């Protein structure tokens, strides 16, 4: 039988039950926590995680944190509130902008941008993008786009030093948010739920000790397409289900496709599935109405991102091995995951 995109179809009822049971065991019995804290962004992934947390723990034992800052889209906070109101869960708004400003996040970010565009100042907006992979093999060199208050835009490649400083500055945002999540988790005796889907988890699209940090990651095994399917099954508001995946990191609107991935998420999911299961590029190309050469380029890009982001998944390195305590949470969780096929 020929390969098709149907490989990503999901039995949503069965999957929700599976995740519910796993969450109850991992949070309650393994981690011995009383509930779950979720950072809600108004996006599809955090919305699904929050809904799953409610199904697993009950709405009275789920806390949503909404954490806007200077560059956040106004829709993010509005959609986050829409979700938490529908789920009937407690929600706390923590404006992290003043904290980021005090830490020099915005000043360092603007400093990096001015090494490319000296005229960049208050009232201007920016974003980072990668070139398309479809027209030829690309070098993963980021381009900086800035927009003046009058709407005029400029684009330029970034030198490595400026790029690293800009990313390091914006990474404050993910790390401060995670710090806030753990404050509330410690205060309540809750676990922190991470929100990466399989595409993000596999390709290293997260900040180490930022949105990559969590006690449980309920949807890391699910492709983004499957997360959208669960969202519709769980009754996530239509406005969130129809919102394109964004980074919500820079002041200009920016899709995840522009910033990191080679293709729209639905096509990228199929390519990642194909790579994971040894599907020939020609078969994936036929299923997606693309050329074999394009799929081969995407496959190479998948492999490259895995190599370059492997360190994000790594535990701290020890000079000498330290045996884990028998019956520790990590040992028990790993056994639980293996038993359940996670």
Protein backbone atom coordinates (compact mmCIF):
# COMPACT_ATOMS: atom_id res chain seq x y z
CA UNK A 1 0.00 0.00 0.00
CA UNK A 2 1.38 3.44 -0.91
CA UNK A 3 2.41 5.95 1.71
CA UNK A 4 -0.11 8.67 2.58
CA UNK A 5 -0.64 11.43 5.10
CA UNK A 6 -3.24 9.21 6.80
CA UNK A 7 -0.38 7.77 8.89
CA UNK A 8 -0.88 10.73 11.23
CA UNK A 9 -4.56 10.05 11.88
CA UNK A 10 -5.28 9.54 15.56
CA UNK A 11 -7.93 7.82 17.64
CA UNK A 12 -8.46 10.90 19.76
CA UNK A 13 -10.63 9.27 22.43
CA UNK A 14 -8.10 6.50 22.98
CA UNK A 15 -5.17 8.93 23.00
CA UNK A 16 -6.81 11.27 25.51
CA UNK A 17 -7.54 8.38 27.85
CA UNK A 18 -3.95 7.15 27.50
CA UNK A 19 -2.49 10.58 28.35
CA UNK A 20 -4.93 11.12 31.23
CA UNK A 21 -3.91 7.86 32.87
CA UNK A 22 -0.21 8.54 32.31
CA UNK A 23 -0.48 12.05 33.75
CA UNK A 24 -2.31 10.88 36.86
CA UNK A 25 0.32 8.24 37.52
CA UNK A 26 3.32 10.42 36.73
CA UNK A 27 2.17 13.50 38.63
CA UNK A 28 0.50 11.79 41.57
CA UNK A 29 2.38 8.54 42.12
CA UNK A 30 5.81 9.18 40.60
CA UNK A 31 6.38 12.88 41.28
CA UNK A 32 4.02 12.98 44.28
CA UNK A 33 2.64 16.38 43.28
CA UNK A 34 -0.93 17.54 43.89
CA UNK A 35 -1.67 19.26 40.58
CA UNK A 36 -0.26 20.84 37.43
CA UNK A 37 0.95 24.30 36.45
CA UNK A 38 0.75 25.17 32.73
CA UNK A 39 2.10 28.26 31.02
CA UNK A 40 -0.69 29.21 28.61
CA UNK A 41 0.30 31.22 25.53
CA UNK A 42 -2.92 31.27 23.52
CA UNK A 43 -1.38 28.73 21.15
CA UNK A 44 -2.51 25.24 20.29
CA UNK A 45 0.07 23.25 22.27
CA UNK A 46 -0.35 24.91 25.66
CA UNK A 47 -4.13 24.88 25.18
CA UNK A 48 -4.18 21.12 24.60
CA UNK A 49 -1.86 20.50 27.56
CA UNK A 50 -4.10 22.59 29.82
CA UNK A 51 -7.20 20.72 28.64
CA UNK A 52 -5.49 17.36 29.19
CA UNK A 53 -4.37 18.45 32.66
CA UNK A 54 -7.98 19.24 33.56
CA UNK A 55 -9.12 15.83 32.32
CA UNK A 56 -6.38 14.11 34.33
CA UNK A 57 -6.34 16.11 37.57
CA UNK A 58 -9.61 18.03 37.74
CA UNK A 59 -10.03 21.75 37.13
CA UNK A 60 -9.46 22.61 40.80
CA UNK A 61 -5.92 21.21 40.59
CA UNK A 62 -4.71 23.01 37.47
CA UNK A 63 -3.22 26.51 37.46
CA UNK A 64 -2.71 28.42 34.21
CA UNK A 65 -0.11 31.17 33.99
CA UNK A 66 -0.45 33.87 31.34
CA UNK A 67 2.88 35.69 31.01
CA UNK A 68 2.85 38.56 28.51
CA UNK A 69 5.78 40.89 27.89
CA UNK A 70 6.56 43.91 25.71
CA UNK A 71 6.75 42.02 22.43
CA UNK A 72 3.83 39.63 22.97
CA UNK A 73 0.91 39.79 20.56
CA UNK A 74 -2.20 41.16 22.24
CA UNK A 75 -4.13 38.16 20.92
CA UNK A 76 -2.00 35.81 23.02
CA UNK A 77 -3.36 37.12 26.31
CA UNK A 78 -6.91 37.37 24.98
CA UNK A 79 -6.90 33.79 23.69
CA UNK A 80 -5.28 32.53 26.87
CA UNK A 81 -8.09 34.06 28.93
CA UNK A 82 -10.66 32.64 26.52
CA UNK A 83 -9.23 29.16 27.09
CA UNK A 84 -8.97 29.37 30.88
CA UNK A 85 -12.50 30.73 31.16
CA UNK A 86 -13.81 27.85 29.07
CA UNK A 87 -11.88 25.26 31.09
CA UNK A 88 -12.94 26.89 34.35
CA UNK A 89 -9.43 26.83 35.80
CA UNK A 90 -7.61 29.33 37.97
CA UNK A 91 -5.44 31.70 35.95
CA UNK A 92 -2.79 34.16 37.04
CA UNK A 93 -1.48 36.92 34.79
CA UNK A 94 2.19 37.61 35.40
CA UNK A 95 3.51 40.48 33.30
CA UNK A 96 7.18 39.58 32.91
CA UNK A 97 8.05 42.73 30.97
CA UNK A 98 9.41 44.70 33.96
CA UNK A 99 11.56 41.74 35.00
CA UNK A 100 12.95 41.38 31.49
CA UNK A 101 13.65 45.10 31.31
CA UNK A 102 15.47 45.05 34.65
CA UNK A 103 17.62 42.14 33.45
CA UNK A 104 18.59 44.05 30.32
CA UNK A 105 16.73 41.73 27.93
CA UNK A 106 15.37 44.49 25.71
CA UNK A 107 18.52 46.65 25.86
CA UNK A 108 20.72 43.69 24.86
CA UNK A 109 18.26 42.73 22.14
CA UNK A 110 18.24 46.24 20.69
CA UNK A 111 22.03 46.48 20.94
CA UNK A 112 22.40 43.36 18.78
CA UNK A 113 19.93 44.71 16.21
CA UNK A 114 21.76 48.06 15.98
CA UNK A 115 24.93 46.29 14.87
CA UNK A 116 22.97 45.55 11.68
CA UNK A 117 20.61 48.54 11.50
CA UNK A 118 22.03 51.50 13.42
CA UNK A 119 18.79 53.47 13.03
CA UNK A 120 16.72 50.86 14.94
CA UNK A 121 15.07 52.59 17.89
CA UNK A 122 11.83 52.83 19.86
CA UNK A 123 8.78 52.28 17.67
CA UNK A 124 10.55 49.91 15.29
CA UNK A 125 9.75 46.18 15.21
CA UNK A 126 11.77 43.13 14.19
CA UNK A 127 11.82 39.39 13.48
CA UNK A 128 14.28 36.64 12.49
CA UNK A 129 13.72 34.39 9.49
CA UNK A 130 15.41 31.54 7.62
CA UNK A 131 15.44 31.21 3.81
CA UNK A 132 13.12 28.67 2.21
CA UNK A 133 14.45 25.17 1.77
CA UNK A 134 12.23 24.34 -1.20
CA UNK A 135 14.20 26.13 -3.91
CA UNK A 136 17.59 24.65 -3.06
CA UNK A 137 19.87 23.54 -0.25
CA UNK A 138 20.06 26.32 2.25
CA UNK A 139 22.68 27.43 4.72
CA UNK A 140 20.91 28.05 8.02
CA UNK A 141 21.87 31.72 8.15
CA UNK A 142 19.26 33.94 9.75
CA UNK A 143 18.03 37.16 8.24
CA UNK A 144 16.91 40.08 10.37
CA UNK A 145 13.87 42.03 9.24
CA UNK A 146 13.09 45.42 10.80
CA UNK A 147 10.10 47.65 10.22
CA UNK A 148 10.09 51.40 10.76
CA UNK A 149 7.08 53.20 12.23
CA UNK A 150 6.12 54.33 8.69
CA UNK A 151 5.92 50.69 7.56
CA UNK A 152 9.17 50.63 5.59
CA UNK A 153 11.03 47.32 5.99
CA UNK A 154 14.69 46.39 5.69
CA UNK A 155 16.25 42.91 5.58
CA UNK A 156 19.84 41.85 6.15
CA UNK A 157 21.83 38.75 7.06
CA UNK A 158 23.12 38.74 10.62
CA UNK A 159 26.74 38.15 11.54
CA UNK A 160 27.12 35.21 13.95
CA UNK A 161 28.04 37.39 16.94
CA UNK A 162 25.00 39.65 16.54
CA UNK A 163 22.71 36.68 15.94
CA UNK A 164 23.93 34.89 19.05
CA UNK A 165 23.46 37.99 21.19
CA UNK A 166 19.94 38.57 19.87
CA UNK A 167 18.91 34.97 20.54
CA UNK A 168 20.61 34.97 23.96
CA UNK A 169 18.65 38.10 24.88
CA UNK A 170 15.30 36.78 23.70
CA UNK A 171 15.95 33.49 25.54
CA UNK A 172 15.53 35.46 28.76
CA UNK A 173 11.82 35.43 27.97
CA UNK A 174 11.47 31.64 28.02
CA UNK A 175 13.66 31.28 31.09
CA UNK A 176 11.83 33.93 33.11
CA UNK A 177 8.51 32.33 32.23
CA UNK A 178 9.77 28.97 33.43
CA UNK A 179 11.09 30.53 36.63
CA UNK A 180 7.60 31.90 37.25
CA UNK A 181 6.01 28.52 36.58
CA UNK A 182 8.26 26.86 39.12
CA UNK A 183 7.55 29.57 41.70
CA UNK A 184 3.85 28.75 41.54
CA UNK A 185 4.50 25.02 41.35
CA UNK A 186 6.67 25.14 44.47
CA UNK A 187 4.08 27.31 46.24
CA UNK A 188 1.27 24.86 45.52
CA UNK A 189 3.10 21.55 45.52
CA UNK A 190 2.31 21.10 41.81
CA UNK A 191 4.26 19.74 38.83
CA UNK A 192 5.15 21.89 35.84
CA UNK A 193 3.84 20.65 32.49
CA UNK A 194 5.87 21.31 29.37
CA UNK A 195 4.14 21.98 26.07
CA UNK A 196 6.44 20.87 23.21
CA UNK A 197 4.96 18.68 20.50
CA UNK A 198 7.01 16.00 18.75
CA UNK A 199 8.17 18.28 15.97
CA UNK A 200 9.55 20.84 18.43
CA UNK A 201 10.97 18.21 20.78
CA UNK A 202 12.69 16.23 18.02
CA UNK A 203 14.13 19.24 16.21
CA UNK A 204 15.28 21.14 19.30
CA UNK A 205 12.86 24.04 18.95
CA UNK A 206 13.01 25.06 22.59
CA UNK A 207 15.22 26.96 25.03
CA UNK A 208 17.29 24.90 27.42
CA UNK A 209 16.22 25.62 31.01
CA UNK A 210 13.41 27.68 29.47
CA UNK A 211 10.43 26.15 27.71
CA UNK A 212 12.51 22.97 27.51
CA UNK A 213 12.31 22.53 31.30
CA UNK A 214 9.37 20.66 32.82
CA UNK A 215 8.41 17.80 35.12
CA UNK A 216 6.11 16.19 32.54
CA UNK A 217 5.74 16.68 28.79
CA UNK A 218 2.32 15.25 27.88
CA UNK A 219 2.35 15.82 24.10
CA UNK A 220 6.04 15.41 23.19
CA UNK A 221 5.20 12.13 21.43
CA UNK A 222 2.50 13.72 19.24
CA UNK A 223 3.03 15.34 15.85
CA UNK A 224 1.66 18.87 15.54
CA UNK A 225 -1.09 17.64 13.22
CA UNK A 226 -2.18 15.23 15.93
CA UNK A 227 -2.15 18.02 18.53
CA UNK A 228 -4.58 19.98 16.36
CA UNK A 229 -6.79 16.90 16.11
CA UNK A 230 -6.80 16.55 19.90
CA UNK A 231 -7.59 20.26 20.26
CA UNK A 232 -10.74 19.87 18.20
CA UNK A 233 -11.71 16.70 20.10
CA UNK A 234 -11.16 18.43 23.46
CA UNK A 235 -13.22 21.46 22.44
CA UNK A 236 -10.42 24.01 22.44
CA UNK A 237 -11.89 27.33 21.24
CA UNK A 238 -12.13 27.70 17.48
CA UNK A 239 -10.10 30.92 17.58
CA UNK A 240 -7.12 29.00 18.97
CA UNK A 241 -7.55 26.05 16.62
CA UNK A 242 -7.47 28.41 13.64
CA UNK A 243 -4.49 30.45 14.83
CA UNK A 244 -1.26 29.79 12.83
CA UNK A 245 1.66 28.53 14.95
CA UNK A 246 3.77 31.54 15.97
CA UNK A 247 6.91 32.11 18.04
CA UNK A 248 5.40 35.15 19.85
CA UNK A 249 8.95 36.18 20.72
CA UNK A 250 9.72 39.11 18.45
CA UNK A 251 7.75 42.32 17.97
CA UNK A 252 6.80 41.54 14.36
CA UNK A 253 4.40 38.67 13.69
CA UNK A 254 6.36 35.58 12.79
CA UNK A 255 5.42 31.99 12.02
CA UNK A 256 7.35 28.98 13.27
CA UNK A 257 7.93 28.08 9.62
CA UNK A 258 9.72 31.39 9.01
CA UNK A 259 11.82 31.16 12.14
CA UNK A 260 12.85 27.52 12.32
CA UNK A 261 11.08 24.84 10.30
CA UNK A 262 11.48 24.20 6.60
CA UNK A 263 7.78 23.77 5.79
CA UNK A 264 4.29 24.39 7.20
CA UNK A 265 3.73 22.10 10.18
CA UNK A 266 1.38 19.71 8.38
CA UNK A 267 3.93 18.96 5.66
CA UNK A 268 6.82 18.99 8.14
CA UNK A 269 5.02 16.39 10.26
CA UNK A 270 4.73 14.04 7.29
CA UNK A 271 8.41 14.51 6.44
CA UNK A 272 9.46 13.87 10.03
CA UNK A 273 7.28 10.76 10.16
CA UNK A 274 8.83 9.60 6.91
CA UNK A 275 12.34 10.15 8.20
CA UNK A 276 11.54 8.40 11.47
CA UNK A 277 10.11 5.36 9.69
CA UNK A 278 12.53 5.04 6.79
CA UNK A 279 9.99 6.06 4.14
CA UNK A 280 11.73 6.81 0.81
CA UNK A 281 11.77 10.48 -0.14
CA UNK A 282 9.98 9.62 -3.39
CA UNK A 283 6.97 8.23 -1.48
CA UNK A 284 6.73 11.26 0.81
CA UNK A 285 7.08 13.54 -2.22
CA UNK A 286 4.15 11.84 -3.92
CA UNK A 287 1.98 12.12 -0.80
CA UNK A 288 2.73 15.85 -0.44
CA UNK A 289 2.77 16.74 -4.16
CA UNK A 290 6.37 17.87 -3.88
CA UNK A 291 9.54 16.79 -5.67
CA UNK A 292 11.81 14.04 -4.43
CA UNK A 293 14.71 16.52 -4.35
CA UNK A 294 12.74 18.81 -2.04
CA UNK A 295 11.96 15.99 0.39
CA UNK A 296 15.60 14.90 0.37
CA UNK A 297 16.59 18.44 1.32
CA UNK A 298 14.07 18.41 4.16
CA UNK A 299 15.42 15.05 5.33
CA UNK A 300 18.95 16.49 5.42
CA UNK A 301 17.68 19.51 7.33
CA UNK A 302 15.97 17.24 9.89
CA UNK A 303 19.23 15.35 10.40
CA UNK A 304 21.21 18.59 10.68
CA UNK A 305 18.92 20.05 13.32
CA UNK A 306 19.11 16.82 15.32
CA UNK A 307 22.90 17.02 15.33
CA UNK A 308 23.16 20.71 16.18
CA UNK A 309 20.51 20.70 18.92
CA UNK A 310 21.46 17.41 20.59
CA UNK A 311 23.05 19.32 23.47
CA UNK A 312 19.65 20.80 24.36
CA UNK A 313 18.45 17.32 25.38
CA UNK A 314 21.61 16.39 27.27
CA UNK A 315 21.73 16.08 31.04
CA UNK A 316 24.52 17.94 32.85
CA UNK A 317 27.79 16.11 32.28
CA UNK A 318 29.46 14.51 35.29
CA UNK A 319 33.20 14.04 35.72
CA UNK A 320 32.54 10.65 37.30
CA UNK A 321 29.29 8.65 37.20
CA UNK A 322 27.00 8.95 40.22
CA UNK A 323 24.61 5.99 40.53
CA UNK A 324 20.95 6.95 40.79
CA UNK A 325 19.16 6.13 44.00
CA UNK A 326 17.09 2.99 43.55
CA UNK A 327 13.42 3.87 43.21
CA UNK A 328 14.13 7.50 42.30
CA UNK A 329 11.50 9.50 40.45
CA UNK A 330 13.46 9.47 37.18
CA UNK A 331 14.01 5.72 37.36
CA UNK A 332 10.34 5.09 38.11
CA UNK A 333 9.17 7.48 35.41
CA UNK A 334 11.43 5.87 32.82
CA UNK A 335 10.07 2.43 33.71
CA UNK A 336 6.52 3.78 33.53
CA UNK A 337 7.18 5.25 30.11
CA UNK A 338 8.65 2.00 28.82
CA UNK A 339 5.72 0.00 30.18
CA UNK A 340 3.29 2.36 28.43
CA UNK A 341 5.23 2.57 25.19
CA UNK A 342 6.11 6.25 25.58
